[in-house]
Amino acid sequence: MATPYQLIEKEKINTLQFPQSEVLHDQEAIAQRTNDLVRAQSLGNLEHAKIKIFFEDNQSKKMVETTVWALTDKQVVLKQGVGIPIHRIYKST
């Protein structure tokens, strides 16, 4: 049975702690995640479209519905400077 993701508000993400380990172990899945995040950034900047980001902090799997404003090498930047480390993201839709 799949682990359910807990819905979280983006304003609470800054209070989370993220381990340094990568959640994905397949290079193909990592490449797909990168492509999906680049697409999410384009949708956020052009259409202000919200997407769902599925990620894991040091306690559980979580999901946030938000707009991606920017991508760096290491994190996804949301509104108000909130960031999620890319290596802790499973997928975005």
C-alpha atoms as a PDB file:
ATOM      1  CA  MET A   1       0.000   0.000   0.000  1.00  0.00           C
ATOM      2  CA  ALA A   2       1.335   3.443  -0.903  1.00  0.00           C
ATOM      3  CA  THR A   3       2.197   5.885   1.854  1.00  0.00           C
ATOM      4  CA  PRO A   4      -0.237   8.818   1.858  1.00  0.00           C
ATOM      5  CA  TYR A   5       1.176  12.309   1.659  1.00  0.00           C
ATOM      6  CA  GLN A   6       0.203  14.826   4.325  1.00  0.00           C
ATOM      7  CA  LEU A   7      -1.076  18.111   2.870  1.00  0.00           C
ATOM      8  CA  ILE A   8       0.929  21.069   4.198  1.00  0.00           C
ATOM      9  CA  GLU A   9       0.632  24.818   3.704  1.00  0.00           C
ATOM     10  CA  LYS A  10       3.632  26.416   2.015  1.00  0.00           C
ATOM     11  CA  GLU A  11       3.969  28.882   4.894  1.00  0.00           C
ATOM     12  CA  LYS A  12       4.886  25.977   7.190  1.00  0.00           C
ATOM     13  CA  ILE A  13       7.654  24.573   4.969  1.00  0.00           C
ATOM     14  CA  ASN A  14      10.297  26.870   6.500  1.00  0.00           C
ATOM     15  CA  THR A  15       9.736  25.130   9.846  1.00  0.00           C
ATOM     16  CA  LEU A  16      10.599  21.686   8.432  1.00  0.00           C
ATOM     17  CA  GLN A  17      13.974  19.969   8.633  1.00  0.00           C
ATOM     18  CA  PHE A  18      15.363  18.184   5.589  1.00  0.00           C
ATOM     19  CA  PRO A  19      17.987  15.415   5.687  1.00  0.00           C
ATOM     20  CA  GLN A  20      20.876  15.528   3.202  1.00  0.00           C
ATOM     21  CA  SER A  21      20.010  12.173   1.596  1.00  0.00           C
ATOM     22  CA  GLU A  22      18.423  11.821  -1.850  1.00  0.00           C
ATOM     23  CA  VAL A  23      14.885  10.365  -1.859  1.00  0.00           C
ATOM     24  CA  LEU A  24      15.178   8.992  -5.409  1.00  0.00           C
ATOM     25  CA  HIS A  25      17.730   6.315  -6.233  1.00  0.00           C
ATOM     26  CA  ASP A  26      17.066   5.830  -9.941  1.00  0.00           C
ATOM     27  CA  GLN A  27      18.880   8.165 -12.367  1.00  0.00           C
ATOM     28  CA  GLU A  28      15.918   8.094 -14.754  1.00  0.00           C
ATOM     29  CA  ALA A  29      13.554   9.189 -11.968  1.00  0.00           C
ATOM     30  CA  ILE A  30      15.959  11.989 -10.984  1.00  0.00           C
ATOM     31  CA  ALA A  31      16.093  13.202 -14.607  1.00  0.00           C
ATOM     32  CA  GLN A  32      12.283  13.083 -14.826  1.00  0.00           C
ATOM     33  CA  ARG A  33      11.998  15.091 -11.601  1.00  0.00           C
ATOM     34  CA  THR A  34      14.326  17.752 -13.032  1.00  0.00           C
ATOM     35  CA  ASN A  35      12.277  17.978 -16.242  1.00  0.00           C
ATOM     36  CA  ASP A  36       9.022  18.209 -14.277  1.00  0.00           C
ATOM     37  CA  LEU A  37      10.404  20.993 -12.051  1.00  0.00           C
ATOM     38  CA  VAL A  38      11.621  23.020 -15.048  1.00  0.00           C
ATOM     39  CA  ARG A  39       8.136  22.684 -16.548  1.00  0.00           C
ATOM     40  CA  ALA A  40       6.572  23.695 -13.212  1.00  0.00           C
ATOM     41  CA  GLN A  41       8.753  26.808 -13.108  1.00  0.00           C
ATOM     42  CA  SER A  42       7.647  27.770 -16.625  1.00  0.00           C
ATOM     43  CA  LEU A  43       3.995  27.268 -15.720  1.00  0.00           C
ATOM     44  CA  GLY A  44       4.453  29.312 -12.555  1.00  0.00           C
ATOM     45  CA  ASN A  45       6.152  32.219 -14.292  1.00  0.00           C
ATOM     46  CA  LEU A  46       3.996  32.329 -17.417  1.00  0.00           C
ATOM     47  CA  GLU A  47       0.567  31.295 -16.169  1.00  0.00           C
ATOM     48  CA  HIS A  48       0.888  31.494 -12.370  1.00  0.00           C
ATOM     49  CA  ALA A  49      -0.334  27.887 -12.386  1.00  0.00           C
ATOM     50  CA  LYS A  50      -0.233  25.891  -9.180  1.00  0.00           C
ATOM     51  CA  ILE A  51       1.281  22.425  -9.106  1.00  0.00           C
ATOM     52  CA  LYS A  52       1.532  19.697  -6.502  1.00  0.00           C
ATOM     53  CA  ILE A  53       4.975  18.937  -5.094  1.00  0.00           C
ATOM     54  CA  PHE A  54       5.428  15.609  -3.297  1.00  0.00           C
ATOM     55  CA  PHE A  55       8.388  15.613  -0.916  1.00  0.00           C
ATOM     56  CA  GLU A  56       9.726  14.229   2.351  1.00  0.00           C
ATOM     57  CA  ASP A  57      11.173  16.018   5.373  1.00  0.00           C
ATOM     58  CA  ASN A  58      12.837  14.282   8.342  1.00  0.00           C
ATOM     59  CA  GLN A  59       9.500  12.992   9.644  1.00  0.00           C
ATOM     60  CA  SER A  60       7.055  12.098   6.860  1.00  0.00           C
ATOM     61  CA  LYS A  61       5.969  12.448   3.252  1.00  0.00           C
ATOM     62  CA  LYS A  62       4.202  15.697   2.468  1.00  0.00           C
ATOM     63  CA  MET A  63       2.476  17.461  -0.415  1.00  0.00           C
ATOM     64  CA  VAL A  64       2.055  21.166  -1.116  1.00  0.00           C
ATOM     65  CA  GLU A  65      -0.001  22.821  -3.847  1.00  0.00           C
ATOM     66  CA  THR A  66       1.766  26.003  -4.897  1.00  0.00           C
ATOM     67  CA  THR A  67       3.395  28.043  -7.638  1.00  0.00           C
ATOM     68  CA  VAL A  68       7.089  27.503  -8.413  1.00  0.00           C
ATOM     69  CA  TRP A  69       8.821  30.869  -8.758  1.00  0.00           C
ATOM     70  CA  ALA A  70      12.409  29.754  -9.361  1.00  0.00           C
ATOM     71  CA  LEU A  71      14.814  26.837  -9.431  1.00  0.00           C
ATOM     72  CA  THR A  72      18.395  26.785  -8.209  1.00  0.00           C
ATOM     73  CA  ASP A  73      20.847  23.907  -8.415  1.00  0.00           C
ATOM     74  CA  LYS A  74      19.767  22.783  -4.980  1.00  0.00           C
ATOM     75  CA  GLN A  75      16.210  23.938  -4.317  1.00  0.00           C
ATOM     76  CA  VAL A  76      12.798  24.881  -5.587  1.00  0.00           C
ATOM     77  CA  VAL A  77      11.882  28.430  -4.578  1.00  0.00           C
ATOM     78  CA  LEU A  78       8.243  29.171  -3.845  1.00  0.00           C
ATOM     79  CA  LYS A  79       6.495  32.443  -3.056  1.00  0.00           C
ATOM     80  CA  GLN A  80       7.940  34.475  -0.157  1.00  0.00           C
ATOM     81  CA  GLY A  81      11.326  32.785  -0.515  1.00  0.00           C
ATOM     82  CA  VAL A  82      10.164  29.432   0.814  1.00  0.00           C
ATOM     83  CA  GLY A  83      12.421  26.635  -0.441  1.00  0.00           C
ATOM     84  CA  ILE A  84      12.301  22.856  -0.743  1.00  0.00           C
ATOM     85  CA  PRO A  85      15.564  20.984  -1.365  1.00  0.00           C
ATOM     86  CA  ILE A  86      15.348  19.253  -4.755  1.00  0.00           C
ATOM     87  CA  HIS A  87      16.939  16.072  -3.401  1.00  0.00           C
ATOM     88  CA  ARG A  88      13.924  15.660  -1.060  1.00  0.00           C
ATOM     89  CA  ILE A  89      11.275  15.902  -3.820  1.00  0.00           C
ATOM     90  CA  TYR A  90       9.705  12.740  -5.213  1.00  0.00           C
ATOM     91  CA  LYS A  91       7.690  14.318  -8.013  1.00  0.00           C
ATOM     92  CA  SER A  92       5.631  17.291  -9.109  1.00  0.00           C
ATOM     93  CA  THR A  93       2.374  17.269 -11.062  1.00  0.00           C
END
